[in-house]
Amino acid sequence: MRKLVCLFVMAFVGLSLSAQENDSFEEKTIKLIKMTAGQQFEIMMDPLVKMVPQENQEAFKKELAESTNDLYSKMAKIYMESFTEAELDKILDFYATPVGKKLVAETPTLTKKGMELGQTWGMELQPLMAKYSK
């Protein structure tokens, strides 16, 4: 009986450590996502907030922020399928460098300018699309 109890305790401790490792991996992954995409989400959400009447915007922002936490967790699982924890550590190390920090700081501006450029390009494609839609 003692052996069975010891075996159960060892298995439980092993599972607990494994779960802690996964939490650490997931937390690191969420940190990366927030660092690299968090500002972009804010940019994309701004038009949504503006669609809500002014008097409801603060409450909407709060619930929207809560929903992004769930989104980050779901996205983390996708990242964790593609990257090992060791690879993720190296990526986070890069973002801790001066050039990595600059990339994070500049990404929202680059994204906004890229979206504007994409819209202009889309408008320029209309004649080409019309040519082949006949």
C-alpha atoms as a PDB file:
ATOM      1  CA  MET A   1       0.000   0.000   0.000  1.00  0.00           C
ATOM      2  CA  ARG A   2       2.858   2.377   0.832  1.00  0.00           C
ATOM      3  CA  LYS A   3       4.382   1.741  -2.576  1.00  0.00           C
ATOM      4  CA  LEU A   4       1.077   2.600  -4.243  1.00  0.00           C
ATOM      5  CA  VAL A   5       0.798   5.836  -2.250  1.00  0.00           C
ATOM      6  CA  CYS A   6       4.411   6.752  -3.084  1.00  0.00           C
ATOM      7  CA  LEU A   7       3.817   6.004  -6.748  1.00  0.00           C
ATOM      8  CA  PHE A   8       0.686   8.164  -6.730  1.00  0.00           C
ATOM      9  CA  VAL A   9       2.520  11.050  -5.012  1.00  0.00           C
ATOM     10  CA  MET A  10       5.422  10.832  -7.476  1.00  0.00           C
ATOM     11  CA  ALA A  11       3.028  10.839 -10.435  1.00  0.00           C
ATOM     12  CA  PHE A  12       1.131  13.815  -9.002  1.00  0.00           C
ATOM     13  CA  VAL A  13       4.342  15.771  -8.426  1.00  0.00           C
ATOM     14  CA  GLY A  14       5.496  14.963 -11.958  1.00  0.00           C
ATOM     15  CA  LEU A  15       2.209  16.150 -13.442  1.00  0.00           C
ATOM     16  CA  SER A  16       2.309  19.304 -11.328  1.00  0.00           C
ATOM     17  CA  LEU A  17       5.826  20.129 -12.498  1.00  0.00           C
ATOM     18  CA  SER A  18       4.847  19.465 -16.089  1.00  0.00           C
ATOM     19  CA  ALA A  19       1.841  21.773 -15.760  1.00  0.00           C
ATOM     20  CA  GLN A  20       4.045  24.469 -14.239  1.00  0.00           C
ATOM     21  CA  GLU A  21       6.468  24.163 -17.151  1.00  0.00           C
ATOM     22  CA  ASN A  22       3.602  24.542 -19.628  1.00  0.00           C
ATOM     23  CA  ASP A  23       2.280  27.557 -17.735  1.00  0.00           C
ATOM     24  CA  SER A  24       5.723  29.113 -17.911  1.00  0.00           C
ATOM     25  CA  PHE A  25       5.933  28.382 -21.633  1.00  0.00           C
ATOM     26  CA  GLU A  26       2.431  29.764 -22.196  1.00  0.00           C
ATOM     27  CA  GLU A  27       3.160  32.869 -20.111  1.00  0.00           C
ATOM     28  CA  LYS A  28       6.323  33.520 -22.128  1.00  0.00           C
ATOM     29  CA  THR A  29       4.391  33.023 -25.347  1.00  0.00           C
ATOM     30  CA  ILE A  30       1.677  35.458 -24.269  1.00  0.00           C
ATOM     31  CA  LYS A  31       4.404  37.945 -23.333  1.00  0.00           C
ATOM     32  CA  LEU A  32       5.809  37.666 -26.870  1.00  0.00           C
ATOM     33  CA  ILE A  33       2.385  38.078 -28.460  1.00  0.00           C
ATOM     34  CA  LYS A  34       1.574  41.111 -26.353  1.00  0.00           C
ATOM     35  CA  MET A  35       4.974  42.579 -27.120  1.00  0.00           C
ATOM     36  CA  THR A  36       4.764  42.063 -30.868  1.00  0.00           C
ATOM     37  CA  ALA A  37       1.040  42.280 -31.606  1.00  0.00           C
ATOM     38  CA  GLY A  38      -0.538  43.987 -28.615  1.00  0.00           C
ATOM     39  CA  GLN A  39      -0.136  47.494 -29.989  1.00  0.00           C
ATOM     40  CA  GLN A  40      -1.488  46.366 -33.347  1.00  0.00           C
ATOM     41  CA  PHE A  41      -4.588  44.973 -31.646  1.00  0.00           C
ATOM     42  CA  GLU A  42      -5.094  48.344 -29.990  1.00  0.00           C
ATOM     43  CA  ILE A  43      -4.836  50.084 -33.369  1.00  0.00           C
ATOM     44  CA  MET A  44      -7.344  47.673 -34.905  1.00  0.00           C
ATOM     45  CA  MET A  45      -9.731  47.986 -31.954  1.00  0.00           C
ATOM     46  CA  ASP A  46      -9.837  51.780 -31.976  1.00  0.00           C
ATOM     47  CA  PRO A  47     -12.371  51.903 -34.851  1.00  0.00           C
ATOM     48  CA  LEU A  48     -14.539  49.374 -32.994  1.00  0.00           C
ATOM     49  CA  VAL A  49     -14.547  51.547 -29.884  1.00  0.00           C
ATOM     50  CA  LYS A  50     -15.527  54.578 -31.942  1.00  0.00           C
ATOM     51  CA  MET A  51     -18.604  52.712 -33.232  1.00  0.00           C
ATOM     52  CA  VAL A  52     -19.944  52.448 -29.691  1.00  0.00           C
ATOM     53  CA  PRO A  53     -21.799  55.463 -28.251  1.00  0.00           C
ATOM     54  CA  GLN A  54     -19.460  57.700 -26.223  1.00  0.00           C
ATOM     55  CA  GLU A  55     -21.211  56.976 -22.918  1.00  0.00           C
ATOM     56  CA  ASN A  56     -20.618  53.223 -23.331  1.00  0.00           C
ATOM     57  CA  GLN A  57     -17.046  53.309 -24.627  1.00  0.00           C
ATOM     58  CA  GLU A  58     -15.267  52.828 -21.291  1.00  0.00           C
ATOM     59  CA  ALA A  59     -17.346  49.775 -20.384  1.00  0.00           C
ATOM     60  CA  PHE A  60     -16.884  48.430 -23.907  1.00  0.00           C
ATOM     61  CA  LYS A  61     -13.097  48.938 -23.712  1.00  0.00           C
ATOM     62  CA  LYS A  62     -12.990  47.017 -20.433  1.00  0.00           C
ATOM     63  CA  GLU A  63     -14.873  44.025 -21.827  1.00  0.00           C
ATOM     64  CA  LEU A  64     -12.892  44.196 -25.047  1.00  0.00           C
ATOM     65  CA  ALA A  65      -9.645  44.074 -23.049  1.00  0.00           C
ATOM     66  CA  GLU A  66     -10.915  41.024 -21.165  1.00  0.00           C
ATOM     67  CA  SER A  67     -11.735  39.290 -24.430  1.00  0.00           C
ATOM     68  CA  THR A  68      -8.210  39.925 -25.715  1.00  0.00           C
ATOM     69  CA  ASN A  69      -6.806  37.928 -22.787  1.00  0.00           C
ATOM     70  CA  ASP A  70      -8.718  34.906 -24.074  1.00  0.00           C
ATOM     71  CA  LEU A  71      -7.484  35.657 -27.588  1.00  0.00           C
ATOM     72  CA  TYR A  72      -3.868  35.831 -26.355  1.00  0.00           C
ATOM     73  CA  SER A  73      -4.233  32.412 -24.696  1.00  0.00           C
ATOM     74  CA  LYS A  74      -5.638  30.886 -27.869  1.00  0.00           C
ATOM     75  CA  MET A  75      -2.907  32.476 -29.977  1.00  0.00           C
ATOM     76  CA  ALA A  76      -0.276  31.232 -27.534  1.00  0.00           C
ATOM     77  CA  LYS A  77      -1.335  27.654 -28.212  1.00  0.00           C
ATOM     78  CA  ILE A  78      -0.781  28.236 -31.944  1.00  0.00           C
ATOM     79  CA  TYR A  79       2.689  29.680 -31.311  1.00  0.00           C
ATOM     80  CA  MET A  80       3.519  26.814 -28.956  1.00  0.00           C
ATOM     81  CA  GLU A  81       2.824  24.345 -31.769  1.00  0.00           C
ATOM     82  CA  SER A  82       5.456  26.057 -33.927  1.00  0.00           C
ATOM     83  CA  PHE A  83       8.151  27.040 -31.416  1.00  0.00           C
ATOM     84  CA  THR A  84       9.863  25.212 -28.606  1.00  0.00           C
ATOM     85  CA  GLU A  85      10.320  26.963 -25.296  1.00  0.00           C
ATOM     86  CA  ALA A  86      14.060  27.249 -26.013  1.00  0.00           C
ATOM     87  CA  GLU A  87      13.328  28.928 -29.360  1.00  0.00           C
ATOM     88  CA  LEU A  88      10.858  31.247 -27.701  1.00  0.00           C
ATOM     89  CA  ASP A  89      13.488  32.197 -25.117  1.00  0.00           C
ATOM     90  CA  LYS A  90      15.842  33.175 -27.955  1.00  0.00           C
ATOM     91  CA  ILE A  91      13.122  35.239 -29.629  1.00  0.00           C
ATOM     92  CA  LEU A  92      12.412  37.028 -26.347  1.00  0.00           C
ATOM     93  CA  ASP A  93      16.149  37.611 -25.922  1.00  0.00           C
ATOM     94  CA  PHE A  94      16.183  39.325 -29.320  1.00  0.00           C
ATOM     95  CA  TYR A  95      13.287  41.586 -28.354  1.00  0.00           C
ATOM     96  CA  ALA A  96      15.246  42.599 -25.237  1.00  0.00           C
ATOM     97  CA  THR A  97      18.049  43.998 -27.421  1.00  0.00           C
ATOM     98  CA  PRO A  98      18.052  47.641 -28.563  1.00  0.00           C
ATOM     99  CA  VAL A  99      17.135  46.705 -32.136  1.00  0.00           C
ATOM    100  CA  GLY A 100      14.401  44.350 -30.890  1.00  0.00           C
ATOM    101  CA  LYS A 101      12.961  47.122 -28.726  1.00  0.00           C
ATOM    102  CA  LYS A 102      13.077  49.479 -31.706  1.00  0.00           C
ATOM    103  CA  LEU A 103      11.241  46.924 -33.841  1.00  0.00           C
ATOM    104  CA  VAL A 104       8.494  46.670 -31.216  1.00  0.00           C
ATOM    105  CA  ALA A 105       8.280  50.459 -30.940  1.00  0.00           C
ATOM    106  CA  GLU A 106       8.124  50.984 -34.716  1.00  0.00           C
ATOM    107  CA  THR A 107       5.764  48.127 -35.567  1.00  0.00           C
ATOM    108  CA  PRO A 108       2.487  50.028 -34.970  1.00  0.00           C
ATOM    109  CA  THR A 109       3.606  52.862 -37.258  1.00  0.00           C
ATOM    110  CA  LEU A 110       4.818  50.402 -39.881  1.00  0.00           C
ATOM    111  CA  THR A 111       1.563  48.475 -39.656  1.00  0.00           C
ATOM    112  CA  LYS A 112      -0.557  51.610 -40.019  1.00  0.00           C
ATOM    113  CA  LYS A 113       1.477  52.841 -42.992  1.00  0.00           C
ATOM    114  CA  GLY A 114       1.371  49.380 -44.536  1.00  0.00           C
ATOM    115  CA  MET A 115      -2.409  49.241 -44.186  1.00  0.00           C
ATOM    116  CA  GLU A 116      -2.726  52.671 -45.821  1.00  0.00           C
ATOM    117  CA  LEU A 117      -0.441  51.573 -48.646  1.00  0.00           C
ATOM    118  CA  GLY A 118      -2.445  48.381 -49.065  1.00  0.00           C
ATOM    119  CA  GLN A 119      -5.681  50.357 -49.352  1.00  0.00           C
ATOM    120  CA  THR A 120      -4.157  52.644 -51.985  1.00  0.00           C
ATOM    121  CA  TRP A 121      -2.830  49.656 -53.910  1.00  0.00           C
ATOM    122  CA  GLY A 122      -6.253  48.004 -53.731  1.00  0.00           C
ATOM    123  CA  MET A 123      -7.822  51.096 -55.253  1.00  0.00           C
ATOM    124  CA  GLU A 124      -5.194  51.105 -58.012  1.00  0.00           C
ATOM    125  CA  LEU A 125      -6.066  47.486 -58.818  1.00  0.00           C
ATOM    126  CA  GLN A 126      -9.705  48.261 -59.568  1.00  0.00           C
ATOM    127  CA  PRO A 127      -9.085  49.037 -63.281  1.00  0.00           C
ATOM    128  CA  LEU A 128      -7.083  45.830 -63.626  1.00  0.00           C
ATOM    129  CA  MET A 129      -9.807  43.840 -61.908  1.00  0.00           C
ATOM    130  CA  ALA A 130     -12.457  45.485 -64.111  1.00  0.00           C
ATOM    131  CA  LYS A 131     -10.445  44.540 -67.208  1.00  0.00           C
ATOM    132  CA  TYR A 132     -10.580  40.854 -66.272  1.00  0.00           C
ATOM    133  CA  SER A 133     -14.103  40.842 -64.836  1.00  0.00           C
ATOM    134  CA  LYS A 134     -15.757  41.380 -68.236  1.00  0.00           C
END
